[in-house]
């Protein structure tokens, strides 16, 4: 009888842990691709893709007409040596983030992702979310910044997050009181290679 009780407790704990893991994964933002390529002329280009799942409250807000803004940020961690800084553009650490605007249009029953002046419509939310944070050949450093052999010395990161300060004021209050409204991938290290 004690064996069966211990077995039931173990299964209960396993089911509880799996439930927490599924709940944590249900509302997440994680990188599925994060790489930087040193171009033939010494520029550094970033390619990324994220898997994002919105919590139910954000999905409801989106369907109610709230536009969600996401920021894709880049940061150079190394090299920070003076020799490299002499070669770099003085504004090397001021790469502007890429802004993704996700909106829903009830008349067409479509989701729209806008980056700058370019926008694309999607029938499904999960398909639209795959476009958020996806970028190819984003030039973060200009030509003649790196040599092709510098790949193993470069450490750089990207980060995708929901810009809660761009939400309407009532929703900004929700971001302070609920972790469900704070979507952030955290800094993800880029795999750097020569192109």
C-alpha atoms as a PDB file:
ATOM      1  CA  UNK A   1       0.000   0.000   0.000  1.00  0.00           C
ATOM      2  CA  UNK A   2       2.862   2.393   0.829  1.00  0.00           C
ATOM      3  CA  UNK A   3       4.421   1.621  -2.562  1.00  0.00           C
ATOM      4  CA  UNK A   4       1.194   2.572  -4.386  1.00  0.00           C
ATOM      5  CA  UNK A   5       0.911   5.788  -2.348  1.00  0.00           C
ATOM      6  CA  UNK A   6       4.499   6.775  -3.189  1.00  0.00           C
ATOM      7  CA  UNK A   7       3.863   5.948  -6.836  1.00  0.00           C
ATOM      8  CA  UNK A   8       0.712   8.085  -6.895  1.00  0.00           C
ATOM      9  CA  UNK A   9       2.591  10.979  -5.274  1.00  0.00           C
ATOM     10  CA  UNK A  10       5.368  10.729  -7.874  1.00  0.00           C
ATOM     11  CA  UNK A  11       2.865  10.732 -10.752  1.00  0.00           C
ATOM     12  CA  UNK A  12       1.007  13.663  -9.204  1.00  0.00           C
ATOM     13  CA  UNK A  13       4.238  15.657  -8.891  1.00  0.00           C
ATOM     14  CA  UNK A  14       5.213  14.773 -12.449  1.00  0.00           C
ATOM     15  CA  UNK A  15       1.810  15.894 -13.758  1.00  0.00           C
ATOM     16  CA  UNK A  16       2.067  19.134 -11.775  1.00  0.00           C
ATOM     17  CA  UNK A  17       5.566  19.858 -13.141  1.00  0.00           C
ATOM     18  CA  UNK A  18       4.438  19.114 -16.689  1.00  0.00           C
ATOM     19  CA  UNK A  19       1.466  21.439 -16.199  1.00  0.00           C
ATOM     20  CA  UNK A  20       3.780  24.259 -15.086  1.00  0.00           C
ATOM     21  CA  UNK A  21       6.110  23.618 -18.014  1.00  0.00           C
ATOM     22  CA  UNK A  22       3.226  23.719 -20.500  1.00  0.00           C
ATOM     23  CA  UNK A  23       1.833  26.894 -18.894  1.00  0.00           C
ATOM     24  CA  UNK A  24       5.254  28.554 -18.994  1.00  0.00           C
ATOM     25  CA  UNK A  25       5.756  27.542 -22.608  1.00  0.00           C
ATOM     26  CA  UNK A  26       2.242  28.659 -23.591  1.00  0.00           C
ATOM     27  CA  UNK A  27       3.166  32.297 -22.974  1.00  0.00           C
ATOM     28  CA  UNK A  28       6.725  32.619 -24.133  1.00  0.00           C
ATOM     29  CA  UNK A  29       9.156  34.246 -26.486  1.00  0.00           C
ATOM     30  CA  UNK A  30      12.248  32.306 -27.480  1.00  0.00           C
ATOM     31  CA  UNK A  31      14.774  32.516 -30.295  1.00  0.00           C
ATOM     32  CA  UNK A  32      14.758  29.754 -32.897  1.00  0.00           C
ATOM     33  CA  UNK A  33      17.425  31.422 -35.043  1.00  0.00           C
ATOM     34  CA  UNK A  34      20.077  33.887 -33.887  1.00  0.00           C
ATOM     35  CA  UNK A  35      23.129  34.381 -36.048  1.00  0.00           C
ATOM     36  CA  UNK A  36      25.404  37.118 -37.318  1.00  0.00           C
ATOM     37  CA  UNK A  37      27.352  36.909 -40.546  1.00  0.00           C
ATOM     38  CA  UNK A  38      30.505  38.869 -41.388  1.00  0.00           C
ATOM     39  CA  UNK A  39      29.994  39.964 -44.989  1.00  0.00           C
ATOM     40  CA  UNK A  40      32.620  39.937 -47.714  1.00  0.00           C
ATOM     41  CA  UNK A  41      33.225  43.670 -47.195  1.00  0.00           C
ATOM     42  CA  UNK A  42      33.534  43.504 -43.390  1.00  0.00           C
ATOM     43  CA  UNK A  43      29.966  44.409 -42.448  1.00  0.00           C
ATOM     44  CA  UNK A  44      28.032  42.476 -39.814  1.00  0.00           C
ATOM     45  CA  UNK A  45      24.515  41.273 -40.672  1.00  0.00           C
ATOM     46  CA  UNK A  46      22.032  39.748 -38.223  1.00  0.00           C
ATOM     47  CA  UNK A  47      19.486  37.015 -38.997  1.00  0.00           C
ATOM     48  CA  UNK A  48      16.909  36.098 -36.367  1.00  0.00           C
ATOM     49  CA  UNK A  49      13.615  34.328 -35.849  1.00  0.00           C
ATOM     50  CA  UNK A  50      11.539  33.961 -32.686  1.00  0.00           C
ATOM     51  CA  UNK A  51       8.754  31.681 -31.549  1.00  0.00           C
ATOM     52  CA  UNK A  52       6.253  33.830 -29.651  1.00  0.00           C
ATOM     53  CA  UNK A  53       3.046  32.802 -27.926  1.00  0.00           C
ATOM     54  CA  UNK A  54       0.708  35.461 -26.585  1.00  0.00           C
ATOM     55  CA  UNK A  55      -1.186  34.977 -23.329  1.00  0.00           C
ATOM     56  CA  UNK A  56      -4.988  35.001 -23.606  1.00  0.00           C
ATOM     57  CA  UNK A  57      -5.250  38.541 -22.181  1.00  0.00           C
ATOM     58  CA  UNK A  58      -2.964  39.933 -24.909  1.00  0.00           C
ATOM     59  CA  UNK A  59      -4.817  37.992 -27.611  1.00  0.00           C
ATOM     60  CA  UNK A  60      -8.076  39.514 -26.373  1.00  0.00           C
ATOM     61  CA  UNK A  61      -6.579  43.011 -26.298  1.00  0.00           C
ATOM     62  CA  UNK A  62      -5.274  42.526 -29.846  1.00  0.00           C
ATOM     63  CA  UNK A  63      -8.703  41.431 -31.101  1.00  0.00           C
ATOM     64  CA  UNK A  64     -10.237  44.452 -29.329  1.00  0.00           C
ATOM     65  CA  UNK A  65      -8.092  46.786 -31.455  1.00  0.00           C
ATOM     66  CA  UNK A  66      -4.954  47.276 -29.347  1.00  0.00           C
ATOM     67  CA  UNK A  67      -1.808  47.370 -31.477  1.00  0.00           C
ATOM     68  CA  UNK A  68       1.133  45.494 -29.967  1.00  0.00           C
ATOM     69  CA  UNK A  69       4.598  46.918 -30.583  1.00  0.00           C
ATOM     70  CA  UNK A  70       7.642  44.686 -30.338  1.00  0.00           C
ATOM     71  CA  UNK A  71      11.287  45.806 -30.373  1.00  0.00           C
ATOM     72  CA  UNK A  72      14.196  43.803 -31.745  1.00  0.00           C
ATOM     73  CA  UNK A  73      17.382  45.166 -30.168  1.00  0.00           C
ATOM     74  CA  UNK A  74      21.037  44.444 -30.884  1.00  0.00           C
ATOM     75  CA  UNK A  75      24.060  44.828 -28.617  1.00  0.00           C
ATOM     76  CA  UNK A  76      27.760  44.276 -29.174  1.00  0.00           C
ATOM     77  CA  UNK A  77      29.403  42.731 -26.121  1.00  0.00           C
ATOM     78  CA  UNK A  78      32.931  42.125 -27.426  1.00  0.00           C
ATOM     79  CA  UNK A  79      35.384  43.173 -28.699  1.00  0.00           C
ATOM     80  CA  UNK A  80      35.568  46.408 -26.748  1.00  0.00           C
ATOM     81  CA  UNK A  81      39.297  46.848 -27.257  1.00  0.00           C
ATOM     82  CA  UNK A  82      40.645  50.252 -28.212  1.00  0.00           C
ATOM     83  CA  UNK A  83      42.090  48.869 -31.443  1.00  0.00           C
ATOM     84  CA  UNK A  84      38.626  47.796 -32.576  1.00  0.00           C
ATOM     85  CA  UNK A  85      37.004  51.005 -31.399  1.00  0.00           C
ATOM     86  CA  UNK A  86      39.431  52.945 -33.602  1.00  0.00           C
ATOM     87  CA  UNK A  87      38.182  50.976 -36.610  1.00  0.00           C
ATOM     88  CA  UNK A  88      34.506  51.261 -35.663  1.00  0.00           C
ATOM     89  CA  UNK A  89      32.078  53.962 -36.478  1.00  0.00           C
ATOM     90  CA  UNK A  90      31.918  56.162 -33.341  1.00  0.00           C
ATOM     91  CA  UNK A  91      28.202  55.382 -33.055  1.00  0.00           C
ATOM     92  CA  UNK A  92      28.748  51.619 -33.026  1.00  0.00           C
ATOM     93  CA  UNK A  93      26.664  50.984 -29.915  1.00  0.00           C
ATOM     94  CA  UNK A  94      23.693  53.025 -31.107  1.00  0.00           C
ATOM     95  CA  UNK A  95      22.061  50.594 -33.506  1.00  0.00           C
ATOM     96  CA  UNK A  96      18.381  51.533 -33.666  1.00  0.00           C
ATOM     97  CA  UNK A  97      15.956  48.756 -32.792  1.00  0.00           C
ATOM     98  CA  UNK A  98      13.621  47.287 -35.390  1.00  0.00           C
ATOM     99  CA  UNK A  99       9.982  47.945 -34.444  1.00  0.00           C
ATOM    100  CA  UNK A 100       7.278  45.399 -35.317  1.00  0.00           C
ATOM    101  CA  UNK A 101       3.641  46.513 -35.034  1.00  0.00           C
ATOM    102  CA  UNK A 102       1.113  43.688 -34.723  1.00  0.00           C
ATOM    103  CA  UNK A 103      -2.548  44.607 -35.228  1.00  0.00           C
ATOM    104  CA  UNK A 104      -5.846  42.896 -35.960  1.00  0.00           C
ATOM    105  CA  UNK A 105      -8.413  44.137 -38.498  1.00  0.00           C
ATOM    106  CA  UNK A 106     -11.918  42.766 -37.820  1.00  0.00           C
ATOM    107  CA  UNK A 107     -13.343  43.768 -41.215  1.00  0.00           C
ATOM    108  CA  UNK A 108     -10.910  41.518 -43.047  1.00  0.00           C
ATOM    109  CA  UNK A 109     -10.390  39.117 -40.115  1.00  0.00           C
ATOM    110  CA  UNK A 110      -6.626  39.402 -40.710  1.00  0.00           C
ATOM    111  CA  UNK A 111      -3.580  40.143 -38.600  1.00  0.00           C
ATOM    112  CA  UNK A 112      -1.117  42.710 -39.912  1.00  0.00           C
ATOM    113  CA  UNK A 113       2.583  42.966 -39.105  1.00  0.00           C
ATOM    114  CA  UNK A 114       4.158  46.305 -40.008  1.00  0.00           C
ATOM    115  CA  UNK A 115       7.869  47.091 -40.041  1.00  0.00           C
ATOM    116  CA  UNK A 116       8.549  50.674 -41.055  1.00  0.00           C
ATOM    117  CA  UNK A 117       6.389  51.288 -44.137  1.00  0.00           C
ATOM    118  CA  UNK A 118       6.225  47.612 -45.121  1.00  0.00           C
ATOM    119  CA  UNK A 119       3.282  45.526 -43.925  1.00  0.00           C
ATOM    120  CA  UNK A 120       2.013  42.005 -44.513  1.00  0.00           C
ATOM    121  CA  UNK A 121      -1.340  40.452 -43.636  1.00  0.00           C
ATOM    122  CA  UNK A 122      -1.829  36.978 -42.173  1.00  0.00           C
ATOM    123  CA  UNK A 123      -4.947  34.861 -41.669  1.00  0.00           C
ATOM    124  CA  UNK A 124      -3.713  33.205 -38.468  1.00  0.00           C
ATOM    125  CA  UNK A 125      -2.231  34.764 -35.332  1.00  0.00           C
ATOM    126  CA  UNK A 126       0.508  32.135 -35.003  1.00  0.00           C
ATOM    127  CA  UNK A 127       1.668  32.858 -38.565  1.00  0.00           C
ATOM    128  CA  UNK A 128       1.732  36.596 -37.870  1.00  0.00           C
ATOM    129  CA  UNK A 129       3.710  36.016 -34.675  1.00  0.00           C
ATOM    130  CA  UNK A 130       6.359  34.107 -36.636  1.00  0.00           C
ATOM    131  CA  UNK A 131       6.978  37.310 -38.618  1.00  0.00           C
ATOM    132  CA  UNK A 132       7.531  39.317 -35.431  1.00  0.00           C
ATOM    133  CA  UNK A 133      11.260  39.288 -34.706  1.00  0.00           C
ATOM    134  CA  UNK A 134      12.164  37.612 -37.989  1.00  0.00           C
ATOM    135  CA  UNK A 135      14.811  39.487 -39.901  1.00  0.00           C
ATOM    136  CA  UNK A 136      17.396  38.665 -42.542  1.00  0.00           C
ATOM    137  CA  UNK A 137      20.571  40.576 -43.382  1.00  0.00           C
ATOM    138  CA  UNK A 138      19.992  43.379 -40.863  1.00  0.00           C
ATOM    139  CA  UNK A 139      23.229  45.343 -41.204  1.00  0.00           C
ATOM    140  CA  UNK A 140      24.233  46.386 -37.692  1.00  0.00           C
ATOM    141  CA  UNK A 141      27.828  47.373 -38.505  1.00  0.00           C
ATOM    142  CA  UNK A 142      28.979  49.014 -41.737  1.00  0.00           C
ATOM    143  CA  UNK A 143      31.530  47.849 -44.275  1.00  0.00           C
ATOM    144  CA  UNK A 144      35.187  47.586 -43.184  1.00  0.00           C
ATOM    145  CA  UNK A 145      34.246  47.089 -39.519  1.00  0.00           C
ATOM    146  CA  UNK A 146      35.451  43.503 -39.166  1.00  0.00           C
ATOM    147  CA  UNK A 147      37.881  41.184 -40.897  1.00  0.00           C
ATOM    148  CA  UNK A 148      36.589  37.771 -41.958  1.00  0.00           C
ATOM    149  CA  UNK A 149      38.813  36.119 -39.331  1.00  0.00           C
ATOM    150  CA  UNK A 150      37.193  38.062 -36.470  1.00  0.00           C
ATOM    151  CA  UNK A 151      34.213  35.703 -36.139  1.00  0.00           C
ATOM    152  CA  UNK A 152      35.541  33.914 -33.042  1.00  0.00           C
ATOM    153  CA  UNK A 153      36.250  37.233 -31.254  1.00  0.00           C
ATOM    154  CA  UNK A 154      32.824  38.805 -31.724  1.00  0.00           C
ATOM    155  CA  UNK A 155      30.191  38.450 -29.031  1.00  0.00           C
ATOM    156  CA  UNK A 156      26.832  40.027 -29.796  1.00  0.00           C
ATOM    157  CA  UNK A 157      23.237  39.579 -28.664  1.00  0.00           C
ATOM    158  CA  UNK A 158      19.697  40.230 -29.829  1.00  0.00           C
ATOM    159  CA  UNK A 159      16.565  40.695 -27.763  1.00  0.00           C
ATOM    160  CA  UNK A 160      12.871  40.764 -28.672  1.00  0.00           C
ATOM    161  CA  UNK A 161      10.365  42.263 -26.267  1.00  0.00           C
ATOM    162  CA  UNK A 162       6.872  43.709 -26.108  1.00  0.00           C
ATOM    163  CA  UNK A 163       7.095  47.511 -25.800  1.00  0.00           C
ATOM    164  CA  UNK A 164       4.710  47.976 -22.909  1.00  0.00           C
ATOM    165  CA  UNK A 165       5.262  51.745 -22.885  1.00  0.00           C
ATOM    166  CA  UNK A 166       3.585  51.908 -26.325  1.00  0.00           C
ATOM    167  CA  UNK A 167       0.369  50.337 -25.026  1.00  0.00           C
ATOM    168  CA  UNK A 168      -2.650  52.513 -24.117  1.00  0.00           C
ATOM    169  CA  UNK A 169      -2.452  53.762 -20.509  1.00  0.00           C
ATOM    170  CA  UNK A 170      -4.966  51.289 -18.982  1.00  0.00           C
ATOM    171  CA  UNK A 171      -2.975  48.395 -20.426  1.00  0.00           C
ATOM    172  CA  UNK A 172       0.303  49.838 -19.133  1.00  0.00           C
ATOM    173  CA  UNK A 173      -1.103  49.374 -15.624  1.00  0.00           C
ATOM    174  CA  UNK A 174      -1.625  45.686 -16.450  1.00  0.00           C
ATOM    175  CA  UNK A 175       2.036  45.349 -17.390  1.00  0.00           C
ATOM    176  CA  UNK A 176       3.012  46.492 -13.906  1.00  0.00           C
ATOM    177  CA  UNK A 177       0.688  44.081 -12.136  1.00  0.00           C
ATOM    178  CA  UNK A 178       0.850  40.988 -14.349  1.00  0.00           C
ATOM    179  CA  UNK A 179       3.840  39.089 -15.682  1.00  0.00           C
ATOM    180  CA  UNK A 180       1.641  37.843 -18.561  1.00  0.00           C
ATOM    181  CA  UNK A 181       1.924  41.279 -20.142  1.00  0.00           C
ATOM    182  CA  UNK A 182       5.735  41.354 -19.991  1.00  0.00           C
ATOM    183  CA  UNK A 183       6.944  39.355 -22.963  1.00  0.00           C
ATOM    184  CA  UNK A 184      10.723  39.398 -23.294  1.00  0.00           C
ATOM    185  CA  UNK A 185      13.134  36.901 -24.833  1.00  0.00           C
ATOM    186  CA  UNK A 186      16.050  38.194 -22.771  1.00  0.00           C
ATOM    187  CA  UNK A 187      19.407  38.713 -24.456  1.00  0.00           C
ATOM    188  CA  UNK A 188      20.139  35.856 -26.862  1.00  0.00           C
ATOM    189  CA  UNK A 189      23.737  35.309 -27.938  1.00  0.00           C
ATOM    190  CA  UNK A 190      24.316  35.353 -31.693  1.00  0.00           C
ATOM    191  CA  UNK A 191      26.299  32.619 -33.402  1.00  0.00           C
ATOM    192  CA  UNK A 192      28.839  34.558 -35.470  1.00  0.00           C
ATOM    193  CA  UNK A 193      30.335  33.189 -38.680  1.00  0.00           C
ATOM    194  CA  UNK A 194      32.111  34.476 -41.768  1.00  0.00           C
ATOM    195  CA  UNK A 195      29.875  34.634 -44.844  1.00  0.00           C
END
